[in-house]
Amino acid sequence: MKTIFAAVLAAVLCACASYDGRSLVPGQSTTAQEVRELFGPPWQKWRAGLKQRDVWDYPMLVDNRMMNFFVQFSDDGIVREAYLLHDPIYDAPDGRA
């Protein structure tokens, strides 16, 4: 899990040069307010019912590809997961995007 999170942070750092990534630590004390201060307001927010978590979505361009950075919060407002996913909806039909 720590390796995945480190890879996500590296990708986010490429997209957000002003963000140092040191304070966003899932499962510890990073709060929704801290995430909002670091990234601004999310593009979308929703409730993941099965996990009982709120999810914030931050679309961003990483290496000229559209990605979504998702942050999940438990009911106490603490970051529980953060990950970066490629969004294939923006790929060209011939797969050369």
PDB file of N, CA and C in Angstrom:
ATOM      1  N   MET A   1       0.824  -1.197   0.000  1.00  0.00           N
ATOM      2  CA  MET A   1       0.000   0.000   0.000  1.00  0.00           C
ATOM      3  C   MET A   1       0.867   1.259   0.000  1.00  0.00           C
ATOM      4  N   LYS A   2       1.954   1.243   0.791  1.00  0.00           N
ATOM      5  CA  LYS A   2       2.821   2.417   0.847  1.00  0.00           C
ATOM      6  C   LYS A   2       3.496   2.669  -0.496  1.00  0.00           C
ATOM      7  N   THR A   3       3.833   1.590  -1.222  1.00  0.00           N
ATOM      8  CA  THR A   3       4.465   1.741  -2.525  1.00  0.00           C
ATOM      9  C   THR A   3       3.503   2.380  -3.513  1.00  0.00           C
ATOM     10  N   ILE A   4       2.255   1.928  -3.502  1.00  0.00           N
ATOM     11  CA  ILE A   4       1.239   2.502  -4.389  1.00  0.00           C
ATOM     12  C   ILE A   4       1.038   3.970  -4.051  1.00  0.00           C
ATOM     13  N   PHE A   5       0.951   4.276  -2.769  1.00  0.00           N
ATOM     14  CA  PHE A   5       0.747   5.663  -2.371  1.00  0.00           C
ATOM     15  C   PHE A   5       1.935   6.525  -2.781  1.00  0.00           C
ATOM     16  N   ALA A   6       3.142   6.002  -2.668  1.00  0.00           N
ATOM     17  CA  ALA A   6       4.330   6.761  -3.078  1.00  0.00           C
ATOM     18  C   ALA A   6       4.298   7.044  -4.575  1.00  0.00           C
ATOM     19  N   ALA A   7       3.859   6.060  -5.363  1.00  0.00           N
ATOM     20  CA  ALA A   7       3.750   6.264  -6.810  1.00  0.00           C
ATOM     21  C   ALA A   7       2.695   7.308  -7.135  1.00  0.00           C
ATOM     22  N   VAL A   8       1.583   7.262  -6.418  1.00  0.00           N
ATOM     23  CA  VAL A   8       0.526   8.255  -6.623  1.00  0.00           C
ATOM     24  C   VAL A   8       1.040   9.645  -6.275  1.00  0.00           C
ATOM     25  N   LEU A   9       1.718   9.751  -5.163  1.00  0.00           N
ATOM     26  CA  LEU A   9       2.249  11.054  -4.781  1.00  0.00           C
ATOM     27  C   LEU A   9       3.245  11.579  -5.802  1.00  0.00           C
ATOM     28  N   ALA A  10       4.071  10.697  -6.353  1.00  0.00           N
ATOM     29  CA  ALA A  10       5.025  11.131  -7.367  1.00  0.00           C
ATOM     30  C   ALA A  10       4.298  11.677  -8.588  1.00  0.00           C
ATOM     31  N   ALA A  11       3.234  11.007  -9.008  1.00  0.00           N
ATOM     32  CA  ALA A  11       2.461  11.475 -10.155  1.00  0.00           C
ATOM     33  C   ALA A  11       1.768  12.792  -9.846  1.00  0.00           C
ATOM     34  N   VAL A  12       1.249  12.910  -8.641  1.00  0.00           N
ATOM     35  CA  VAL A  12       0.572  14.147  -8.262  1.00  0.00           C
ATOM     36  C   VAL A  12       1.576  15.289  -8.190  1.00  0.00           C
ATOM     37  N   LEU A  13       2.761  15.004  -7.698  1.00  0.00           N
ATOM     38  CA  LEU A  13       3.777  16.044  -7.632  1.00  0.00           C
ATOM     39  C   LEU A  13       4.132  16.566  -9.021  1.00  0.00           C
ATOM     40  N   CYS A  14       4.119  15.702 -10.006  1.00  0.00           N
ATOM     41  CA  CYS A  14       4.382  16.147 -11.373  1.00  0.00           C
ATOM     42  C   CYS A  14       3.279  17.082 -11.848  1.00  0.00           C
ATOM     43  N   ALA A  15       2.058  16.816 -11.428  1.00  0.00           N
ATOM     44  CA  ALA A  15       0.929  17.629 -11.868  1.00  0.00           C
ATOM     45  C   ALA A  15       0.783  18.901 -11.050  1.00  0.00           C
ATOM     46  N   CYS A  16       1.187  18.848  -9.802  1.00  0.00           N
ATOM     47  CA  CYS A  16       1.025  19.991  -8.915  1.00  0.00           C
ATOM     48  C   CYS A  16       2.398  20.372  -8.359  1.00  0.00           C
ATOM     49  N   ALA A  17       3.115  21.177  -9.082  1.00  0.00           N
ATOM     50  CA  ALA A  17       4.488  21.498  -8.714  1.00  0.00           C
ATOM     51  C   ALA A  17       4.592  22.183  -7.358  1.00  0.00           C
ATOM     52  N   SER A  18       3.550  22.887  -6.936  1.00  0.00           N
ATOM     53  CA  SER A  18       3.622  23.600  -5.668  1.00  0.00           C
ATOM     54  C   SER A  18       3.317  22.703  -4.468  1.00  0.00           C
ATOM     55  N   TYR A  19       2.879  21.482  -4.691  1.00  0.00           N
ATOM     56  CA  TYR A  19       2.505  20.579  -3.616  1.00  0.00           C
ATOM     57  C   TYR A  19       3.688  19.690  -3.273  1.00  0.00           C
ATOM     58  N   ASP A  20       4.125  19.679  -2.005  1.00  0.00           N
ATOM     59  CA  ASP A  20       5.288  18.884  -1.650  1.00  0.00           C
ATOM     60  C   ASP A  20       4.944  17.457  -1.245  1.00  0.00           C
ATOM     61  N   GLY A  21       3.670  17.144  -0.995  1.00  0.00           N
ATOM     62  CA  GLY A  21       3.234  15.778  -0.741  1.00  0.00           C
ATOM     63  C   GLY A  21       3.567  15.230   0.629  1.00  0.00           C
ATOM     64  N   ARG A  22       4.154  16.010   1.486  1.00  0.00           N
ATOM     65  CA  ARG A  22       4.600  15.479   2.774  1.00  0.00           C
ATOM     66  C   ARG A  22       3.490  15.322   3.804  1.00  0.00           C
ATOM     67  N   SER A  23       2.419  16.070   3.656  1.00  0.00           N
ATOM     68  CA  SER A  23       1.411  16.038   4.710  1.00  0.00           C
ATOM     69  C   SER A  23       0.196  15.172   4.387  1.00  0.00           C
ATOM     70  N   LEU A  24       0.068  14.663   3.171  1.00  0.00           N
ATOM     71  CA  LEU A  24      -1.083  13.827   2.810  1.00  0.00           C
ATOM     72  C   LEU A  24      -0.741  12.371   3.100  1.00  0.00           C
ATOM     73  N   VAL A  25      -1.197  11.893   4.271  1.00  0.00           N
ATOM     74  CA  VAL A  25      -0.848  10.550   4.724  1.00  0.00           C
ATOM     75  C   VAL A  25      -2.133   9.801   5.075  1.00  0.00           C
ATOM     76  N   PRO A  26      -2.562   8.859   4.197  1.00  0.00           N
ATOM     77  CA  PRO A  26      -3.783   8.107   4.498  1.00  0.00           C
ATOM     78  C   PRO A  26      -3.699   7.376   5.829  1.00  0.00           C
ATOM     79  N   GLY A  27      -4.810   7.380   6.546  1.00  0.00           N
ATOM     80  CA  GLY A  27      -4.896   6.656   7.806  1.00  0.00           C
ATOM     81  C   GLY A  27      -4.306   7.380   8.988  1.00  0.00           C
ATOM     82  N   GLN A  28      -3.719   8.539   8.765  1.00  0.00           N
ATOM     83  CA  GLN A  28      -3.161   9.283   9.881  1.00  0.00           C
ATOM     84  C   GLN A  28      -3.964  10.553  10.094  1.00  0.00           C
ATOM     85  N   SER A  29      -3.324  11.692  10.154  1.00  0.00           N
ATOM     86  CA  SER A  29      -4.038  12.885  10.578  1.00  0.00           C
ATOM     87  C   SER A  29      -4.445  13.824   9.449  1.00  0.00           C
ATOM     88  N   THR A  30      -4.246  13.447   8.181  1.00  0.00           N
ATOM     89  CA  THR A  30      -4.619  14.340   7.093  1.00  0.00           C
ATOM     90  C   THR A  30      -6.137  14.452   7.028  1.00  0.00           C
ATOM     91  N   THR A  31      -6.644  15.677   7.052  1.00  0.00           N
ATOM     92  CA  THR A  31      -8.084  15.909   7.084  1.00  0.00           C
ATOM     93  C   THR A  31      -8.586  16.445   5.748  1.00  0.00           C
ATOM     94  N   ALA A  32      -9.911  16.462   5.607  1.00  0.00           N
ATOM     95  CA  ALA A  32     -10.535  17.006   4.405  1.00  0.00           C
ATOM     96  C   ALA A  32     -10.166  18.475   4.237  1.00  0.00           C
ATOM     97  N   GLN A  33     -10.094  19.205   5.311  1.00  0.00           N
ATOM     98  CA  GLN A  33      -9.721  20.618   5.240  1.00  0.00           C
ATOM     99  C   GLN A  33      -8.301  20.793   4.696  1.00  0.00           C
ATOM    100  N   GLU A  34      -7.374  19.945   5.122  1.00  0.00           N
ATOM    101  CA  GLU A  34      -5.999  20.015   4.625  1.00  0.00           C
ATOM    102  C   GLU A  34      -5.934  19.693   3.137  1.00  0.00           C
ATOM    103  N   VAL A  35      -6.711  18.706   2.697  1.00  0.00           N
ATOM    104  CA  VAL A  35      -6.741  18.362   1.274  1.00  0.00           C
ATOM    105  C   VAL A  35      -7.300  19.534   0.477  1.00  0.00           C
ATOM    106  N   ARG A  36      -8.360  20.159   0.979  1.00  0.00           N
ATOM    107  CA  ARG A  36      -8.940  21.317   0.286  1.00  0.00           C
ATOM    108  C   ARG A  36      -7.928  22.462   0.208  1.00  0.00           C
ATOM    109  N   GLU A  37      -7.150  22.659   1.247  1.00  0.00           N
ATOM    110  CA  GLU A  37      -6.131  23.719   1.228  1.00  0.00           C
ATOM    111  C   GLU A  37      -5.022  23.408   0.226  1.00  0.00           C
ATOM    112  N   LEU A  38      -4.676  22.120   0.072  1.00  0.00           N
ATOM    113  CA  LEU A  38      -3.611  21.723  -0.844  1.00  0.00           C
ATOM    114  C   LEU A  38      -4.047  21.725  -2.304  1.00  0.00           C
ATOM    115  N   PHE A  39      -5.254  21.187  -2.581  1.00  0.00           N
ATOM    116  CA  PHE A  39      -5.713  20.989  -3.945  1.00  0.00           C
ATOM    117  C   PHE A  39      -6.844  21.911  -4.378  1.00  0.00           C
ATOM    118  N   GLY A  40      -7.448  22.603  -3.438  1.00  0.00           N
ATOM    119  CA  GLY A  40      -8.615  23.416  -3.759  1.00  0.00           C
ATOM    120  C   GLY A  40      -9.881  22.571  -3.694  1.00  0.00           C
ATOM    121  N   PRO A  41     -11.005  23.139  -4.118  1.00  0.00           N
ATOM    122  CA  PRO A  41     -12.252  22.372  -4.064  1.00  0.00           C
ATOM    123  C   PRO A  41     -12.224  21.241  -5.095  1.00  0.00           C
ATOM    124  N   PRO A  42     -12.817  20.091  -4.761  1.00  0.00           N
ATOM    125  CA  PRO A  42     -12.835  18.981  -5.715  1.00  0.00           C
ATOM    126  C   PRO A  42     -13.772  19.270  -6.884  1.00  0.00           C
ATOM    127  N   TRP A  43     -13.491  18.621  -8.010  1.00  0.00           N
ATOM    128  CA  TRP A  43     -14.355  18.742  -9.179  1.00  0.00           C
ATOM    129  C   TRP A  43     -15.690  18.075  -8.910  1.00  0.00           C
ATOM    130  N   GLN A  44     -15.638  16.892  -8.287  1.00  0.00           N
ATOM    131  CA  GLN A  44     -16.850  16.164  -7.912  1.00  0.00           C
ATOM    132  C   GLN A  44     -16.654  15.556  -6.531  1.00  0.00           C
ATOM    133  N   LYS A  45     -17.776  15.373  -5.840  1.00  0.00           N
ATOM    134  CA  LYS A  45     -17.783  14.675  -4.554  1.00  0.00           C
ATOM    135  C   LYS A  45     -18.939  13.698  -4.574  1.00  0.00           C
ATOM    136  N   TRP A  46     -18.748  12.517  -3.984  1.00  0.00           N
ATOM    137  CA  TRP A  46     -19.841  11.575  -3.841  1.00  0.00           C
ATOM    138  C   TRP A  46     -19.582  10.671  -2.658  1.00  0.00           C
ATOM    139  N   ARG A  47     -20.596   9.898  -2.319  1.00  0.00           N
ATOM    140  CA  ARG A  47     -20.523   8.969  -1.192  1.00  0.00           C
ATOM    141  C   ARG A  47     -20.384   7.553  -1.722  1.00  0.00           C
ATOM    142  N   ALA A  48     -19.317   6.856  -1.327  1.00  0.00           N
ATOM    143  CA  ALA A  48     -19.133   5.447  -1.665  1.00  0.00           C
ATOM    144  C   ALA A  48     -19.813   4.643  -0.562  1.00  0.00           C
ATOM    145  N   GLY A  49     -21.026   4.213  -0.826  1.00  0.00           N
ATOM    146  CA  GLY A  49     -21.875   3.599   0.190  1.00  0.00           C
ATOM    147  C   GLY A  49     -21.323   2.336   0.823  1.00  0.00           C
ATOM    148  N   LEU A  50     -20.738   1.449   0.021  1.00  0.00           N
ATOM    149  CA  LEU A  50     -20.255   0.186   0.577  1.00  0.00           C
ATOM    150  C   LEU A  50     -19.104   0.384   1.555  1.00  0.00           C
ATOM    151  N   LYS A  51     -18.248   1.339   1.277  1.00  0.00           N
ATOM    152  CA  LYS A  51     -17.117   1.615   2.173  1.00  0.00           C
ATOM    153  C   LYS A  51     -17.457   2.670   3.215  1.00  0.00           C
ATOM    154  N   GLN A  52     -18.625   3.303   3.087  1.00  0.00           N
ATOM    155  CA  GLN A  52     -19.011   4.380   3.992  1.00  0.00           C
ATOM    156  C   GLN A  52     -17.967   5.487   3.992  1.00  0.00           C
ATOM    157  N   ARG A  53     -17.610   5.942   2.779  1.00  0.00           N
ATOM    158  CA  ARG A  53     -16.611   6.994   2.634  1.00  0.00           C
ATOM    159  C   ARG A  53     -17.081   8.058   1.655  1.00  0.00           C
ATOM    160  N   ASP A  54     -16.611   9.266   1.884  1.00  0.00           N
ATOM    161  CA  ASP A  54     -16.794  10.342   0.923  1.00  0.00           C
ATOM    162  C   ASP A  54     -15.602  10.331  -0.012  1.00  0.00           C
ATOM    163  N   VAL A  55     -15.855  10.542  -1.299  1.00  0.00           N
ATOM    164  CA  VAL A  55     -14.798  10.520  -2.312  1.00  0.00           C
ATOM    165  C   VAL A  55     -14.754  11.872  -2.998  1.00  0.00           C
ATOM    166  N   TRP A  56     -13.559  12.430  -3.107  1.00  0.00           N
ATOM    167  CA  TRP A  56     -13.337  13.674  -3.844  1.00  0.00           C
ATOM    168  C   TRP A  56     -12.525  13.348  -5.082  1.00  0.00           C
ATOM    169  N   ASP A  57     -12.886  13.972  -6.198  1.00  0.00           N
ATOM    170  CA  ASP A  57     -12.249  13.729  -7.490  1.00  0.00           C
ATOM    171  C   ASP A  57     -11.563  14.994  -7.979  1.00  0.00           C
ATOM    172  N   TYR A  58     -10.276  14.860  -8.298  1.00  0.00           N
ATOM    173  CA  TYR A  58      -9.491  15.958  -8.859  1.00  0.00           C
ATOM    174  C   TYR A  58      -8.932  15.527 -10.212  1.00  0.00           C
ATOM    175  N   PRO A  59      -9.564  15.911 -11.335  1.00  0.00           N
ATOM    176  CA  PRO A  59      -8.984  15.588 -12.639  1.00  0.00           C
ATOM    177  C   PRO A  59      -7.736  16.434 -12.872  1.00  0.00           C
ATOM    178  N   MET A  60      -6.741  15.819 -13.507  1.00  0.00           N
ATOM    179  CA  MET A  60      -5.508  16.553 -13.777  1.00  0.00           C
ATOM    180  C   MET A  60      -4.799  15.944 -14.978  1.00  0.00           C
ATOM    181  N   LEU A  61      -3.949  16.728 -15.574  1.00  0.00           N
ATOM    182  CA  LEU A  61      -3.150  16.301 -16.709  1.00  0.00           C
ATOM    183  C   LEU A  61      -1.780  15.860 -16.197  1.00  0.00           C
ATOM    184  N   VAL A  62      -1.423  14.602 -16.457  1.00  0.00           N
ATOM    185  CA  VAL A  62      -0.142  14.050 -16.042  1.00  0.00           C
ATOM    186  C   VAL A  62       0.500  13.419 -17.273  1.00  0.00           C
ATOM    187  N   ASP A  63       1.672  13.880 -17.630  1.00  0.00           N
ATOM    188  CA  ASP A  63       2.364  13.377 -18.825  1.00  0.00           C
ATOM    189  C   ASP A  63       1.456  13.418 -20.049  1.00  0.00           C
ATOM    190  N   ASN A  64       0.735  14.508 -20.179  1.00  0.00           N
ATOM    191  CA  ASN A  64      -0.151  14.747 -21.320  1.00  0.00           C
ATOM    192  C   ASN A  64      -1.302  13.737 -21.419  1.00  0.00           C
ATOM    193  N   ARG A  65      -1.686  13.138 -20.304  1.00  0.00           N
ATOM    194  CA  ARG A  65      -2.829  12.223 -20.249  1.00  0.00           C
ATOM    195  C   ARG A  65      -3.743  12.663 -19.128  1.00  0.00           C
ATOM    196  N   MET A  66      -5.038  12.583 -19.385  1.00  0.00           N
ATOM    197  CA  MET A  66      -6.001  12.929 -18.336  1.00  0.00           C
ATOM    198  C   MET A  66      -6.056  11.822 -17.295  1.00  0.00           C
ATOM    199  N   MET A  67      -5.898  12.236 -16.047  1.00  0.00           N
ATOM    200  CA  MET A  67      -5.940  11.319 -14.916  1.00  0.00           C
ATOM    201  C   MET A  67      -6.943  11.875 -13.899  1.00  0.00           C
ATOM    202  N   ASN A  68      -7.384  11.010 -13.005  1.00  0.00           N
ATOM    203  CA  ASN A  68      -8.229  11.427 -11.895  1.00  0.00           C
ATOM    204  C   ASN A  68      -7.530  11.044 -10.606  1.00  0.00           C
ATOM    205  N   PHE A  69      -7.335  12.042  -9.743  1.00  0.00           N
ATOM    206  CA  PHE A  69      -6.786  11.810  -8.414  1.00  0.00           C
ATOM    207  C   PHE A  69      -7.962  11.740  -7.463  1.00  0.00           C
ATOM    208  N   PHE A  70      -8.168  10.566  -6.856  1.00  0.00           N
ATOM    209  CA  PHE A  70      -9.284  10.349  -5.939  1.00  0.00           C
ATOM    210  C   PHE A  70      -8.773  10.320  -4.506  1.00  0.00           C
ATOM    211  N   VAL A  71      -9.501  10.983  -3.618  1.00  0.00           N
ATOM    212  CA  VAL A  71      -9.179  10.973  -2.191  1.00  0.00           C
ATOM    213  C   VAL A  71     -10.426  10.504  -1.459  1.00  0.00           C
ATOM    214  N   GLN A  72     -10.278   9.472  -0.631  1.00  0.00           N
ATOM    215  CA  GLN A  72     -11.402   8.932   0.139  1.00  0.00           C
ATOM    216  C   GLN A  72     -11.245   9.308   1.609  1.00  0.00           C
ATOM    217  N   PHE A  73     -12.360   9.745   2.194  1.00  0.00           N
ATOM    218  CA  PHE A  73     -12.386  10.152   3.606  1.00  0.00           C
ATOM    219  C   PHE A  73     -13.363   9.280   4.374  1.00  0.00           C
ATOM    220  N   SER A  74     -12.982   8.881   5.577  1.00  0.00           N
ATOM    221  CA  SER A  74     -13.911   8.194   6.472  1.00  0.00           C
ATOM    222  C   SER A  74     -14.825   9.238   7.117  1.00  0.00           C
ATOM    223  N   ASP A  75     -15.807   8.766   7.872  1.00  0.00           N
ATOM    224  CA  ASP A  75     -16.781   9.686   8.479  1.00  0.00           C
ATOM    225  C   ASP A  75     -16.152  10.690   9.445  1.00  0.00           C
ATOM    226  N   ASP A  76     -14.973  10.379   9.973  1.00  0.00           N
ATOM    227  CA  ASP A  76     -14.305  11.318  10.873  1.00  0.00           C
ATOM    228  C   ASP A  76     -13.498  12.379  10.123  1.00  0.00           C
ATOM    229  N   GLY A  77     -13.560  12.362   8.762  1.00  0.00           N
ATOM    230  CA  GLY A  77     -12.892  13.377   7.963  1.00  0.00           C
ATOM    231  C   GLY A  77     -11.421  13.123   7.703  1.00  0.00           C
ATOM    232  N   ILE A  78     -10.933  11.914   8.026  1.00  0.00           N
ATOM    233  CA  ILE A  78      -9.526  11.560   7.834  1.00  0.00           C
ATOM    234  C   ILE A  78      -9.355  10.877   6.473  1.00  0.00           C
ATOM    235  N   VAL A  79      -8.261  11.199   5.770  1.00  0.00           N
ATOM    236  CA  VAL A  79      -7.958  10.549   4.492  1.00  0.00           C
ATOM    237  C   VAL A  79      -7.666   9.075   4.749  1.00  0.00           C
ATOM    238  N   ARG A  80      -8.386   8.200   4.038  1.00  0.00           N
ATOM    239  CA  ARG A  80      -8.171   6.757   4.177  1.00  0.00           C
ATOM    240  C   ARG A  80      -7.491   6.162   2.956  1.00  0.00           C
ATOM    241  N   GLU A  81      -7.752   6.723   1.763  1.00  0.00           N
ATOM    242  CA  GLU A  81      -7.101   6.265   0.537  1.00  0.00           C
ATOM    243  C   GLU A  81      -6.924   7.448  -0.386  1.00  0.00           C
ATOM    244  N   ALA A  82      -5.854   7.404  -1.173  1.00  0.00           N
ATOM    245  CA  ALA A  82      -5.606   8.399  -2.210  1.00  0.00           C
ATOM    246  C   ALA A  82      -4.934   7.680  -3.370  1.00  0.00           C
ATOM    247  N   TYR A  83      -5.475   7.859  -4.575  1.00  0.00           N
ATOM    248  CA  TYR A  83      -4.910   7.148  -5.719  1.00  0.00           C
ATOM    249  C   TYR A  83      -5.180   7.912  -7.006  1.00  0.00           C
ATOM    250  N   LEU A  84      -4.342   7.652  -7.989  1.00  0.00           N
ATOM    251  CA  LEU A  84      -4.411   8.296  -9.289  1.00  0.00           C
ATOM    252  C   LEU A  84      -4.772   7.241 -10.320  1.00  0.00           C
ATOM    253  N   LEU A  85      -5.812   7.517 -11.119  1.00  0.00           N
ATOM    254  CA  LEU A  85      -6.248   6.575 -12.147  1.00  0.00           C
ATOM    255  C   LEU A  85      -6.309   7.269 -13.496  1.00  0.00           C
ATOM    256  N   HIS A  86      -5.915   6.541 -14.531  1.00  0.00           N
ATOM    257  CA  HIS A  86      -6.041   7.041 -15.905  1.00  0.00           C
ATOM    258  C   HIS A  86      -7.502   7.006 -16.306  1.00  0.00           C
ATOM    259  N   ASP A  87      -7.965   8.055 -16.987  1.00  0.00           N
ATOM    260  CA  ASP A  87      -9.350   8.117 -17.446  1.00  0.00           C
ATOM    261  C   ASP A  87      -9.384   7.837 -18.947  1.00  0.00           C
ATOM    262  N   PRO A  88      -9.758   6.623 -19.358  1.00  0.00           N
ATOM    263  CA  PRO A  88      -9.710   6.255 -20.778  1.00  0.00           C
ATOM    264  C   PRO A  88     -10.738   6.983 -21.648  1.00  0.00           C
ATOM    265  N   ILE A  89     -11.681   7.667 -21.054  1.00  0.00           N
ATOM    266  CA  ILE A  89     -12.683   8.374 -21.843  1.00  0.00           C
ATOM    267  C   ILE A  89     -12.042   9.455 -22.709  1.00  0.00           C
ATOM    268  N   TYR A  90     -10.858   9.926 -22.323  1.00  0.00           N
ATOM    269  CA  TYR A  90     -10.178  10.964 -23.080  1.00  0.00           C
ATOM    270  C   TYR A  90      -9.208  10.416 -24.126  1.00  0.00           C
ATOM    271  N   ASP A  91      -9.073   9.102 -24.214  1.00  0.00           N
ATOM    272  CA  ASP A  91      -8.183   8.511 -25.198  1.00  0.00           C
ATOM    273  C   ASP A  91      -8.764   8.659 -26.598  1.00  0.00           C
ATOM    274  N   ALA A  92      -7.863   8.788 -27.561  1.00  0.00           N
ATOM    275  CA  ALA A  92      -8.300   8.843 -28.954  1.00  0.00           C
ATOM    276  C   ALA A  92      -8.855   7.475 -29.373  1.00  0.00           C
ATOM    277  N   PRO A  93      -9.783   7.440 -30.326  1.00  0.00           N
ATOM    278  CA  PRO A  93     -10.363   6.161 -30.744  1.00  0.00           C
ATOM    279  C   PRO A  93      -9.339   5.156 -31.277  1.00  0.00           C
ATOM    280  N   ASP A  94      -8.240   5.651 -31.839  1.00  0.00           N
ATOM    281  CA  ASP A  94      -7.231   4.728 -32.374  1.00  0.00           C
ATOM    282  C   ASP A  94      -6.206   4.311 -31.323  1.00  0.00           C
ATOM    283  N   GLY A  95      -6.365   4.761 -30.082  1.00  0.00           N
ATOM    284  CA  GLY A  95      -5.494   4.343 -28.984  1.00  0.00           C
ATOM    285  C   GLY A  95      -4.156   5.052 -28.941  1.00  0.00           C
ATOM    286  N   ARG A  96      -4.004   6.141 -29.684  1.00  0.00           N
ATOM    287  CA  ARG A  96      -2.714   6.838 -29.702  1.00  0.00           C
ATOM    288  C   ARG A  96      -2.680   8.061 -28.807  1.00  0.00           C
ATOM    289  N   ALA A  97      -3.573   8.153 -27.859  1.00  0.00           N
ATOM    290  CA  ALA A  97      -3.586   9.332 -26.987  1.00  0.00           C
ATOM    291  C   ALA A  97      -2.569   9.193 -25.890  1.00  0.00           C
TER     292      ALA A  97
END
